Amino acid sequence: MSTSASASASAFHYFPALPPELRFLIWEAALSAPSVWAAVRVPRPASNRKKSVFNMAFVGTAPPTVALSCKEAWRLLKQSYPERIHGPGGSTAKTRPYWVNLHHTVVYLGSPVDAVAILASFDADALSKFQHVALVWNTNIAHFGAVARACQRLATTCPALCTIIVEFYRRVSARDSVKPLEKPLTPESAAYYAGIPAYTGPQLDGQLRHPRYFRDQLLRLFGASPPRLHFLAPDAVQGLP
């Protein structure tokens, strides 16, 4: 069976005949699906020594694409997403605005060093709306200072922050210099990240030794109302406990 035939066979052709109230509920559920909006480094020639440039892209589920289905979905998108978010670079004429519902979206920032650079490239209005973010940290505890600096930047620029996800990644060797943003975030990992903000159980410790110590050191940067901080084991894609 061809791809187009398969898609046609799986389509629900009676959807337009459903009562409007039911259609709206279905559209709203699709538009508010948990998702991951990830920073992607823009490749530059080796001869270009300018600072890194980042774009943003959904990995896995991309709720705004639902609005391409019809005018009804597009109208509901504009109601559900009050305003578009400007990506890295701020609200300049050359910056692309994105449809992102930050209530239901984890913003993936990569390594702590990348995270600081990415946060610095957003304008203050966009950062004030971030609620859930994800970082990756290699298994070298000596790099904890970089994680602390990234959290300090989050604490000072993202007042609405509710969730921080920190996933560990293993270096292949001591000489492994591959940066997390150069490793693609898989849809499976993105789906796991996306489900964490709704998780209400104990904060995840991800096989980290002394998680309470590291959590206390990071969360004290956020004052009296810290976000939830989850540590994930390397390549964690299993279901939540």
Protein backbone atom coordinates (compact mmCIF):
# COMPACT_ATOMS: atom_id res chain seq x y z
CA MET A 1 0.00 0.00 0.00
CA SER A 2 1.36 3.46 -0.89
CA THR A 3 1.98 6.11 1.75
CA SER A 4 -0.86 8.28 0.44
CA ALA A 5 -3.25 5.34 0.38
CA SER A 6 -2.26 4.36 3.91
CA ALA A 7 -2.82 7.91 5.14
CA SER A 8 -6.19 8.03 3.41
CA ALA A 9 -7.24 4.74 4.98
CA SER A 10 -6.31 5.94 8.47
CA ALA A 11 -8.01 9.36 8.15
CA PHE A 12 -11.20 10.06 10.09
CA HIS A 13 -13.37 11.44 7.32
CA TYR A 14 -16.36 12.09 9.60
CA PHE A 15 -14.48 14.53 11.85
CA PRO A 16 -16.15 17.64 10.28
CA ALA A 17 -19.54 16.13 11.14
CA LEU A 18 -18.77 16.01 14.86
CA PRO A 19 -20.44 18.64 17.09
CA PRO A 20 -18.33 21.84 17.23
CA GLU A 21 -17.82 21.49 20.99
CA LEU A 22 -16.27 18.04 20.54
CA ARG A 23 -14.09 19.19 17.62
CA PHE A 24 -12.80 22.11 19.68
CA LEU A 25 -11.88 19.80 22.56
CA ILE A 26 -9.95 17.56 20.18
CA TRP A 27 -8.11 20.49 18.59
CA GLU A 28 -7.27 21.97 21.99
CA ALA A 29 -5.90 18.64 23.23
CA ALA A 30 -3.72 18.33 20.13
CA LEU A 31 -2.48 21.93 20.36
CA SER A 32 -1.56 21.53 24.04
CA ALA A 33 0.24 18.19 23.70
CA PRO A 34 3.52 18.07 25.67
CA SER A 35 6.50 18.79 23.43
CA VAL A 36 10.21 19.64 23.31
CA TRP A 37 11.53 22.77 21.61
CA ALA A 38 15.25 22.24 21.13
CA ALA A 39 18.17 24.53 20.41
CA VAL A 40 20.14 23.48 17.35
CA ARG A 41 23.54 24.93 16.56
CA VAL A 42 23.77 26.42 13.06
CA PRO A 43 26.82 24.93 11.29
CA ARG A 44 29.55 27.43 10.45
CA PRO A 45 32.66 27.06 8.27
CA ALA A 46 35.85 26.29 10.19
CA SER A 47 37.24 29.64 9.02
CA ASN A 48 34.36 31.52 10.67
CA ARG A 49 35.30 32.20 14.28
CA LYS A 50 32.20 34.19 15.17
CA LYS A 51 30.20 33.09 18.19
CA SER A 52 27.80 30.18 17.82
CA VAL A 53 24.37 30.80 16.34
CA PHE A 54 21.34 28.73 17.32
CA ASN A 55 17.96 27.98 15.81
CA MET A 56 15.02 26.32 17.52
CA ALA A 57 13.14 23.24 16.33
CA PHE A 58 10.54 20.86 17.73
CA VAL A 59 11.82 17.31 18.25
CA GLY A 60 9.10 14.69 18.03
CA THR A 61 5.61 16.09 18.62
CA ALA A 62 5.10 19.56 17.13
CA PRO A 63 1.66 20.80 18.28
CA PRO A 64 1.58 23.98 16.13
CA THR A 65 1.58 21.87 12.94
CA VAL A 66 -1.95 20.77 13.86
CA ALA A 67 -3.08 24.26 12.87
CA LEU A 68 -2.14 23.54 9.27
CA SER A 69 -5.08 21.14 9.05
CA CYS A 70 -7.81 23.72 8.48
CA LYS A 71 -8.99 27.24 9.24
CA GLU A 72 -10.79 26.07 12.38
CA ALA A 73 -7.57 24.65 13.83
CA TRP A 74 -5.66 27.80 12.83
CA ARG A 75 -8.18 30.01 14.60
CA LEU A 76 -7.91 27.92 17.77
CA LEU A 77 -4.12 28.04 17.59
CA LYS A 78 -4.19 31.83 17.73
CA GLN A 79 -6.52 31.64 20.74
CA SER A 80 -4.45 29.02 22.58
CA TYR A 81 -1.08 30.63 21.82
CA PRO A 82 -1.56 34.30 22.78
CA GLU A 83 1.66 35.44 21.09
CA ARG A 84 4.58 34.04 19.18
CA ILE A 85 7.97 33.64 20.83
CA HIS A 86 11.04 35.11 19.20
CA GLY A 87 13.92 32.66 19.05
CA PRO A 88 17.62 33.29 19.65
CA GLY A 89 18.51 36.78 18.51
CA GLY A 90 15.51 38.52 20.05
CA SER A 91 12.68 40.42 18.41
CA THR A 92 14.68 41.87 15.55
CA ALA A 93 13.37 42.08 12.01
CA LYS A 94 15.55 39.12 10.97
CA THR A 95 14.48 36.81 13.81
CA ARG A 96 11.89 34.16 13.12
CA PRO A 97 8.97 34.10 15.59
CA TYR A 98 7.69 30.67 16.68
CA TRP A 99 4.32 29.37 17.80
CA VAL A 100 5.19 27.75 21.16
CA ASN A 101 2.95 27.08 24.15
CA LEU A 102 5.51 27.27 26.96
CA HIS A 103 3.02 25.89 29.51
CA HIS A 104 3.39 22.48 27.86
CA THR A 105 6.86 22.71 26.29
CA VAL A 106 10.29 21.72 27.55
CA VAL A 107 13.01 23.99 26.14
CA TYR A 108 16.10 21.87 25.48
CA LEU A 109 19.31 23.88 25.95
CA GLY A 110 22.01 21.23 25.63
CA SER A 111 25.22 21.48 27.64
CA PRO A 112 25.55 24.07 30.43
CA VAL A 113 27.98 26.13 28.33
CA ASP A 114 25.61 26.10 25.37
CA ALA A 115 22.71 26.88 27.69
CA VAL A 116 24.33 30.10 28.92
CA ALA A 117 24.98 31.22 25.33
CA ILE A 118 21.45 30.32 24.22
CA LEU A 119 19.80 32.09 27.14
CA ALA A 120 21.87 35.19 26.42
CA SER A 121 20.55 35.20 22.85
CA PHE A 122 16.86 35.32 23.84
CA ASP A 123 15.21 38.57 24.81
CA ALA A 124 13.97 39.10 28.36
CA ASP A 125 10.29 38.84 27.41
CA ALA A 126 10.73 35.35 25.95
CA LEU A 127 12.84 34.16 28.88
CA SER A 128 10.23 35.36 31.37
CA LYS A 129 7.82 32.78 29.90
CA PHE A 130 10.09 29.71 30.10
CA GLN A 131 8.58 27.15 32.48
CA HIS A 132 10.41 23.90 31.76
CA VAL A 133 14.00 23.49 30.56
CA ALA A 134 16.40 20.59 29.98
CA LEU A 135 20.20 20.46 30.17
CA VAL A 136 22.71 17.66 29.64
CA TRP A 137 25.77 17.17 31.83
CA ASN A 138 28.64 14.78 31.20
CA THR A 139 29.57 12.38 33.96
CA ASN A 140 32.59 14.44 35.02
CA ILE A 141 31.68 15.91 38.41
CA ALA A 142 34.42 18.52 37.88
CA HIS A 143 32.07 20.20 35.41
CA PHE A 144 29.47 20.83 38.12
CA GLY A 145 30.50 24.50 38.16
CA ALA A 146 29.24 24.90 34.59
CA VAL A 147 25.88 23.43 35.61
CA ALA A 148 25.73 25.86 38.54
CA ARG A 149 26.45 28.82 36.23
CA ALA A 150 23.68 27.72 33.88
CA CYS A 151 21.25 27.42 36.80
CA GLN A 152 22.31 30.84 38.07
CA ARG A 153 21.43 32.31 34.65
CA LEU A 154 18.09 30.49 34.73
CA ALA A 155 17.38 31.80 38.22
CA THR A 156 17.97 35.41 37.18
CA THR A 157 16.23 35.34 33.78
CA CYS A 158 13.40 32.79 34.02
CA PRO A 159 11.14 33.75 36.97
CA ALA A 160 8.32 31.41 35.86
CA LEU A 161 10.54 28.31 35.83
CA CYS A 162 8.81 25.21 37.23
CA THR A 163 10.98 22.32 36.02
CA ILE A 164 14.66 21.71 35.33
CA ILE A 165 15.71 18.42 33.75
CA VAL A 166 19.40 17.47 33.85
CA GLU A 167 20.34 14.34 31.91
CA PHE A 168 23.81 12.82 32.19
CA TYR A 169 25.65 11.68 29.09
CA ARG A 170 28.69 9.45 28.96
CA ARG A 171 31.76 10.47 27.03
CA VAL A 172 33.09 7.75 24.74
CA SER A 173 36.61 8.49 25.97
CA ALA A 174 38.62 11.17 27.75
CA ARG A 175 39.27 12.70 24.33
CA ASP A 176 35.62 12.74 23.32
CA SER A 177 34.89 16.35 22.42
CA VAL A 178 31.50 15.87 20.78
CA LYS A 179 29.15 18.49 22.17
CA PRO A 180 25.60 17.51 23.15
CA LEU A 181 24.05 19.87 20.60
CA GLU A 182 26.05 18.08 17.90
CA LYS A 183 24.39 14.82 18.95
CA PRO A 184 20.78 14.72 17.74
CA LEU A 185 18.11 14.62 20.43
CA THR A 186 16.05 11.55 19.52
CA PRO A 187 12.26 11.65 19.38
CA GLU A 188 12.23 8.92 22.06
CA SER A 189 14.29 11.05 24.48
CA ALA A 190 12.20 14.11 23.61
CA ALA A 191 9.00 12.22 24.40
CA TYR A 192 10.46 11.25 27.78
CA TYR A 193 11.46 14.85 28.53
CA ALA A 194 8.03 16.10 27.49
CA GLY A 195 6.25 13.89 30.03
CA ILE A 196 8.34 14.98 33.03
CA PRO A 197 6.66 18.35 33.85
CA ALA A 198 3.35 16.56 34.49
CA TYR A 199 5.02 13.97 36.72
CA THR A 200 4.16 14.61 40.38
CA GLY A 201 6.12 11.83 42.09
CA PRO A 202 9.48 12.20 43.86
CA GLN A 203 12.13 14.17 41.98
CA LEU A 204 14.18 11.81 39.81
CA ASP A 205 17.76 11.08 40.89
CA GLY A 206 19.14 9.34 37.79
CA GLN A 207 21.77 7.13 39.44
CA LEU A 208 23.61 10.20 40.71
CA ARG A 209 25.67 9.75 43.85
CA HIS A 210 24.64 12.18 46.57
CA PRO A 211 21.70 13.66 44.58
CA ARG A 212 20.44 15.56 47.61
CA TYR A 213 23.73 17.47 47.92
CA PHE A 214 23.80 18.50 44.25
CA ARG A 215 20.10 19.34 44.24
CA ASP A 216 20.45 21.52 47.34
CA GLN A 217 23.46 23.33 45.87
CA LEU A 218 21.59 24.17 42.67
CA LEU A 219 18.15 24.94 44.05
CA ARG A 220 19.46 27.40 46.64
CA LEU A 221 20.20 29.68 43.66
CA PHE A 222 16.44 30.06 43.14
CA GLY A 223 15.52 31.44 46.52
CA ALA A 224 12.28 30.61 48.32
CA SER A 225 10.38 29.17 45.33
CA PRO A 226 12.71 26.76 43.53
CA PRO A 227 11.63 24.65 40.53
CA ARG A 228 11.55 20.86 40.60
CA LEU A 229 14.93 19.47 39.59
CA HIS A 230 15.17 16.02 38.00
CA PHE A 231 18.41 14.14 37.32
CA LEU A 232 18.16 11.54 34.55
CA ALA A 233 20.41 8.58 33.90
CA PRO A 234 22.28 8.55 30.55
CA ASP A 235 19.97 7.94 27.57
CA ALA A 236 16.91 7.68 29.81
CA VAL A 237 13.89 6.88 27.66
CA GLN A 238 12.06 4.47 29.94
CA GLY A 239 8.62 5.33 31.30
CA LEU A 240 8.21 7.39 34.42
CA PRO A 241 7.93 5.43 37.69
